[in-house]
Amino acid sequence: MVRQLGELENAIMTRVWRWNRPVTVREVLLDLQSEREIAYTTVMTVLDKLHRKGWLRRERVGRAYRYEPVSSREAYTAALMNDAWATGDNPAAALVHFFGLMSPEQREALRDALRVAALFPSDPAADPPAGDSAADGTDTGGPDTGSVDTGETPPGATR
């Protein structure tokens, strides 16, 4: 289970993810000081805790450390969403309610993500998504959602 980041942890990780390069305590401190009064030792302590929790890796450069993220913000968000979804007794109902909260732009992003996920199924033996052609090449009768040729031949198909 992924623990949600605290307010200061999130502020720091947001910068580290956005900068997408190794950063020093001083760099994070100077950027944070544009928003709040904060001590060097506080930023150093939080970066160290994020390192010990596995969110950051660090490398010693001279007397200081440079920190960089272990994974992306998107991976963190996905893990939080997965944990939240797993807490309910009825995952399908939770998804229906979640979809109802989404903006039109978020629903379009979801459609795009589902199209990409359909191109790279995690279980090659799984049934094709609704609307796609069956493994034997026959049309399943669903709506055409468009396809992208990945250049790979699916299992059981010939080129």
C-alpha atoms as a PDB file:
ATOM      1  CA  MET A   1       0.000   0.000   0.000  1.00  0.00           C
ATOM      2  CA  VAL A   2       1.328   3.414  -0.982  1.00  0.00           C
ATOM      3  CA  ARG A   3       1.229   6.062   1.714  1.00  0.00           C
ATOM      4  CA  GLN A   4       0.093   9.465   0.518  1.00  0.00           C
ATOM      5  CA  LEU A   5       2.805  12.089   0.746  1.00  0.00           C
ATOM      6  CA  GLY A   6       2.503  14.740   3.423  1.00  0.00           C
ATOM      7  CA  GLU A   7       2.074  18.402   2.469  1.00  0.00           C
ATOM      8  CA  LEU A   8       5.794  19.305   2.613  1.00  0.00           C
ATOM      9  CA  GLU A   9       6.851  15.965   1.125  1.00  0.00           C
ATOM     10  CA  ASN A  10       4.491  16.605  -1.789  1.00  0.00           C
ATOM     11  CA  ALA A  11       5.793  20.163  -2.274  1.00  0.00           C
ATOM     12  CA  ILE A  12       9.350  18.822  -2.432  1.00  0.00           C
ATOM     13  CA  MET A  13       8.548  15.824  -4.644  1.00  0.00           C
ATOM     14  CA  THR A  14       6.584  18.070  -7.033  1.00  0.00           C
ATOM     15  CA  ARG A  15       9.743  20.099  -7.613  1.00  0.00           C
ATOM     16  CA  VAL A  16      11.968  17.055  -7.970  1.00  0.00           C
ATOM     17  CA  TRP A  17       9.555  15.466 -10.466  1.00  0.00           C
ATOM     18  CA  ARG A  18       9.135  18.718 -12.399  1.00  0.00           C
ATOM     19  CA  TRP A  19      12.867  19.411 -12.631  1.00  0.00           C
ATOM     20  CA  ASN A  20      13.556  15.797 -13.648  1.00  0.00           C
ATOM     21  CA  ARG A  21      17.252  15.961 -12.757  1.00  0.00           C
ATOM     22  CA  PRO A  22      19.391  15.455  -9.662  1.00  0.00           C
ATOM     23  CA  VAL A  23      18.848  18.317  -7.189  1.00  0.00           C
ATOM     24  CA  THR A  24      20.540  19.572  -4.059  1.00  0.00           C
ATOM     25  CA  VAL A  25      18.998  20.564  -0.748  1.00  0.00           C
ATOM     26  CA  ARG A  26      19.957  24.182  -1.473  1.00  0.00           C
ATOM     27  CA  GLU A  27      18.118  24.215  -4.837  1.00  0.00           C
ATOM     28  CA  VAL A  28      14.941  22.864  -3.251  1.00  0.00           C
ATOM     29  CA  LEU A  29      15.292  25.269  -0.321  1.00  0.00           C
ATOM     30  CA  LEU A  30      15.658  28.343  -2.530  1.00  0.00           C
ATOM     31  CA  ASP A  31      12.603  27.405  -4.583  1.00  0.00           C
ATOM     32  CA  LEU A  32      10.486  26.625  -1.514  1.00  0.00           C
ATOM     33  CA  GLN A  33      11.484  29.931   0.109  1.00  0.00           C
ATOM     34  CA  SER A  34       9.610  31.772  -2.649  1.00  0.00           C
ATOM     35  CA  GLU A  35       6.400  30.348  -1.120  1.00  0.00           C
ATOM     36  CA  ARG A  36       7.137  29.922   2.591  1.00  0.00           C
ATOM     37  CA  GLU A  37       9.618  30.471   5.350  1.00  0.00           C
ATOM     38  CA  ILE A  38      11.564  27.256   5.757  1.00  0.00           C
ATOM     39  CA  ALA A  39      14.931  26.203   7.182  1.00  0.00           C
ATOM     40  CA  TYR A  40      17.710  24.399   5.339  1.00  0.00           C
ATOM     41  CA  THR A  41      17.691  21.632   7.955  1.00  0.00           C
ATOM     42  CA  THR A  42      13.953  21.061   7.454  1.00  0.00           C
ATOM     43  CA  VAL A  43      14.389  20.537   3.705  1.00  0.00           C
ATOM     44  CA  MET A  44      17.445  18.328   4.331  1.00  0.00           C
ATOM     45  CA  THR A  45      15.476  16.196   6.819  1.00  0.00           C
ATOM     46  CA  VAL A  46      12.506  15.754   4.473  1.00  0.00           C
ATOM     47  CA  LEU A  47      14.746  14.839   1.522  1.00  0.00           C
ATOM     48  CA  ASP A  48      16.518  12.306   3.742  1.00  0.00           C
ATOM     49  CA  LYS A  49      13.179  10.824   4.854  1.00  0.00           C
ATOM     50  CA  LEU A  50      11.990  10.611   1.240  1.00  0.00           C
ATOM     51  CA  HIS A  51      15.242   8.805   0.427  1.00  0.00           C
ATOM     52  CA  ARG A  52      14.772   6.331   3.315  1.00  0.00           C
ATOM     53  CA  LYS A  53      11.150   5.720   2.241  1.00  0.00           C
ATOM     54  CA  GLY A  54      12.342   4.836  -1.259  1.00  0.00           C
ATOM     55  CA  TRP A  55      10.986   7.860  -3.146  1.00  0.00           C
ATOM     56  CA  LEU A  56      14.420   9.337  -3.894  1.00  0.00           C
ATOM     57  CA  ARG A  57      17.862   7.974  -4.627  1.00  0.00           C
ATOM     58  CA  ARG A  58      20.883  10.053  -3.750  1.00  0.00           C
ATOM     59  CA  GLU A  59      24.503  10.348  -4.663  1.00  0.00           C
ATOM     60  CA  ARG A  60      27.170  12.118  -2.649  1.00  0.00           C
ATOM     61  CA  VAL A  61      28.843  14.949  -4.550  1.00  0.00           C
ATOM     62  CA  GLY A  62      31.533  16.544  -2.398  1.00  0.00           C
ATOM     63  CA  ARG A  63      29.993  17.236   1.007  1.00  0.00           C
ATOM     64  CA  ALA A  64      26.392  17.316  -0.264  1.00  0.00           C
ATOM     65  CA  TYR A  65      23.921  14.872  -1.761  1.00  0.00           C
ATOM     66  CA  ARG A  66      22.111  15.130  -5.074  1.00  0.00           C
ATOM     67  CA  TYR A  67      18.636  13.611  -5.009  1.00  0.00           C
ATOM     68  CA  GLU A  68      16.564  12.294  -7.905  1.00  0.00           C
ATOM     69  CA  PRO A  69      13.212  10.525  -8.077  1.00  0.00           C
ATOM     70  CA  VAL A  70      13.021   6.753  -8.151  1.00  0.00           C
ATOM     71  CA  SER A  71       9.773   6.820 -10.146  1.00  0.00           C
ATOM     72  CA  SER A  72       7.499   9.346 -11.834  1.00  0.00           C
ATOM     73  CA  ARG A  73       4.620  11.375 -10.448  1.00  0.00           C
ATOM     74  CA  GLU A  74       2.357   9.404 -12.779  1.00  0.00           C
ATOM     75  CA  ALA A  75       3.474   6.114 -11.205  1.00  0.00           C
ATOM     76  CA  TYR A  76       2.803   7.578  -7.733  1.00  0.00           C
ATOM     77  CA  THR A  77      -0.654   8.787  -8.801  1.00  0.00           C
ATOM     78  CA  ALA A  78      -1.483   5.409 -10.344  1.00  0.00           C
ATOM     79  CA  ALA A  79      -0.451   3.613  -7.151  1.00  0.00           C
ATOM     80  CA  LEU A  80      -2.673   5.919  -5.056  1.00  0.00           C
ATOM     81  CA  MET A  81      -5.595   5.331  -7.427  1.00  0.00           C
ATOM     82  CA  ASN A  82      -5.060   1.574  -7.300  1.00  0.00           C
ATOM     83  CA  ASP A  83      -4.960   1.594  -3.497  1.00  0.00           C
ATOM     84  CA  ALA A  84      -8.114   3.719  -3.303  1.00  0.00           C
ATOM     85  CA  TRP A  85      -9.912   1.413  -5.731  1.00  0.00           C
ATOM     86  CA  ALA A  86      -8.873  -1.674  -3.759  1.00  0.00           C
ATOM     87  CA  THR A  87     -10.436  -0.362  -0.526  1.00  0.00           C
ATOM     88  CA  GLY A  88     -14.030  -0.641  -1.773  1.00  0.00           C
ATOM     89  CA  ASP A  89     -16.279  -3.682  -1.674  1.00  0.00           C
ATOM     90  CA  ASN A  90     -17.603  -3.015  -5.184  1.00  0.00           C
ATOM     91  CA  PRO A  91     -14.825  -1.858  -7.549  1.00  0.00           C
ATOM     92  CA  ALA A  92     -17.212  -1.497 -10.515  1.00  0.00           C
ATOM     93  CA  ALA A  93     -19.497   0.834  -8.562  1.00  0.00           C
ATOM     94  CA  ALA A  94     -16.491   2.843  -7.381  1.00  0.00           C
ATOM     95  CA  LEU A  95     -15.377   3.276 -11.004  1.00  0.00           C
ATOM     96  CA  VAL A  96     -18.852   4.388 -12.069  1.00  0.00           C
ATOM     97  CA  HIS A  97     -18.860   7.044  -9.344  1.00  0.00           C
ATOM     98  CA  PHE A  98     -15.297   8.064 -10.234  1.00  0.00           C
ATOM     99  CA  PHE A  99     -16.200   8.451 -13.915  1.00  0.00           C
ATOM    100  CA  GLY A 100     -19.143  10.620 -12.873  1.00  0.00           C
ATOM    101  CA  LEU A 101     -16.738  13.002 -11.123  1.00  0.00           C
ATOM    102  CA  MET A 102     -14.497  13.360 -14.178  1.00  0.00           C
ATOM    103  CA  SER A 103     -14.436  16.406 -16.436  1.00  0.00           C
ATOM    104  CA  PRO A 104     -14.912  15.930 -20.204  1.00  0.00           C
ATOM    105  CA  GLU A 105     -11.151  16.407 -20.622  1.00  0.00           C
ATOM    106  CA  GLN A 106     -10.417  13.718 -18.028  1.00  0.00           C
ATOM    107  CA  ARG A 107     -12.845  11.308 -19.727  1.00  0.00           C
ATOM    108  CA  GLU A 108     -11.098  11.925 -23.053  1.00  0.00           C
ATOM    109  CA  ALA A 109      -7.729  11.253 -21.382  1.00  0.00           C
ATOM    110  CA  LEU A 110      -9.202   8.019 -19.997  1.00  0.00           C
ATOM    111  CA  ARG A 111     -10.387   6.992 -23.474  1.00  0.00           C
ATOM    112  CA  ASP A 112      -6.879   7.665 -24.830  1.00  0.00           C
ATOM    113  CA  ALA A 113      -5.291   5.666 -22.003  1.00  0.00           C
ATOM    114  CA  LEU A 114      -7.627   2.717 -22.612  1.00  0.00           C
ATOM    115  CA  ARG A 115      -6.742   2.739 -26.316  1.00  0.00           C
ATOM    116  CA  VAL A 116      -3.023   2.665 -25.449  1.00  0.00           C
ATOM    117  CA  ALA A 117      -3.550  -0.052 -22.812  1.00  0.00           C
ATOM    118  CA  ALA A 118      -5.404  -2.181 -25.389  1.00  0.00           C
ATOM    119  CA  LEU A 119      -2.325  -2.069 -27.625  1.00  0.00           C
ATOM    120  CA  PHE A 120      -0.124  -3.528 -24.892  1.00  0.00           C
ATOM    121  CA  PRO A 121      -2.194  -6.007 -22.876  1.00  0.00           C
ATOM    122  CA  SER A 122      -0.487  -7.383 -19.784  1.00  0.00           C
ATOM    123  CA  ASP A 123      -1.986 -10.824 -20.433  1.00  0.00           C
ATOM    124  CA  PRO A 124      -1.594 -11.850 -24.095  1.00  0.00           C
ATOM    125  CA  ALA A 125      -4.082 -14.698 -23.544  1.00  0.00           C
ATOM    126  CA  ALA A 126      -6.789 -12.242 -22.421  1.00  0.00           C
ATOM    127  CA  ASP A 127      -9.812 -11.653 -24.608  1.00  0.00           C
ATOM    128  CA  PRO A 128      -9.560  -8.657 -26.951  1.00  0.00           C
ATOM    129  CA  PRO A 129     -11.314  -5.498 -25.719  1.00  0.00           C
ATOM    130  CA  ALA A 130     -14.902  -4.948 -26.892  1.00  0.00           C
ATOM    131  CA  GLY A 131     -15.027  -3.540 -30.393  1.00  0.00           C
ATOM    132  CA  ASP A 132     -11.715  -5.026 -31.509  1.00  0.00           C
ATOM    133  CA  SER A 133     -11.276  -7.892 -33.910  1.00  0.00           C
ATOM    134  CA  ALA A 134     -11.148 -11.389 -32.514  1.00  0.00           C
ATOM    135  CA  ALA A 135      -7.852 -13.298 -32.506  1.00  0.00           C
ATOM    136  CA  ASP A 136      -9.026 -15.326 -35.526  1.00  0.00           C
ATOM    137  CA  GLY A 137      -9.385 -12.133 -37.586  1.00  0.00           C
ATOM    138  CA  THR A 138     -13.182 -11.981 -37.549  1.00  0.00           C
ATOM    139  CA  ASP A 139     -14.906  -8.751 -36.577  1.00  0.00           C
ATOM    140  CA  THR A 140     -16.586  -8.885 -33.178  1.00  0.00           C
ATOM    141  CA  GLY A 141     -19.191  -6.368 -34.289  1.00  0.00           C
ATOM    142  CA  GLY A 142     -18.226  -3.611 -31.869  1.00  0.00           C
ATOM    143  CA  PRO A 143     -17.649  -0.004 -32.842  1.00  0.00           C
ATOM    144  CA  ASP A 144     -14.396   0.835 -34.570  1.00  0.00           C
ATOM    145  CA  THR A 145     -12.338   2.821 -32.069  1.00  0.00           C
ATOM    146  CA  GLY A 146      -9.384   3.173 -34.398  1.00  0.00           C
ATOM    147  CA  SER A 147      -6.148   1.287 -34.141  1.00  0.00           C
ATOM    148  CA  VAL A 148      -2.461   1.921 -34.274  1.00  0.00           C
ATOM    149  CA  ASP A 149      -0.093  -0.518 -35.943  1.00  0.00           C
ATOM    150  CA  THR A 150       2.657  -1.210 -33.425  1.00  0.00           C
ATOM    151  CA  GLY A 151       4.567  -3.331 -35.910  1.00  0.00           C
ATOM    152  CA  GLU A 152       4.174  -6.371 -33.675  1.00  0.00           C
ATOM    153  CA  THR A 153       2.272  -9.470 -34.653  1.00  0.00           C
ATOM    154  CA  PRO A 154      -0.168 -10.534 -31.929  1.00  0.00           C
ATOM    155  CA  PRO A 155       0.039 -14.122 -30.654  1.00  0.00           C
ATOM    156  CA  GLY A 156      -1.777 -16.513 -32.985  1.00  0.00           C
ATOM    157  CA  ALA A 157      -1.832 -14.073 -35.919  1.00  0.00           C
ATOM    158  CA  THR A 158       0.257 -14.102 -39.075  1.00  0.00           C
ATOM    159  CA  ARG A 159       1.609 -11.271 -41.198  1.00  0.00           C
END
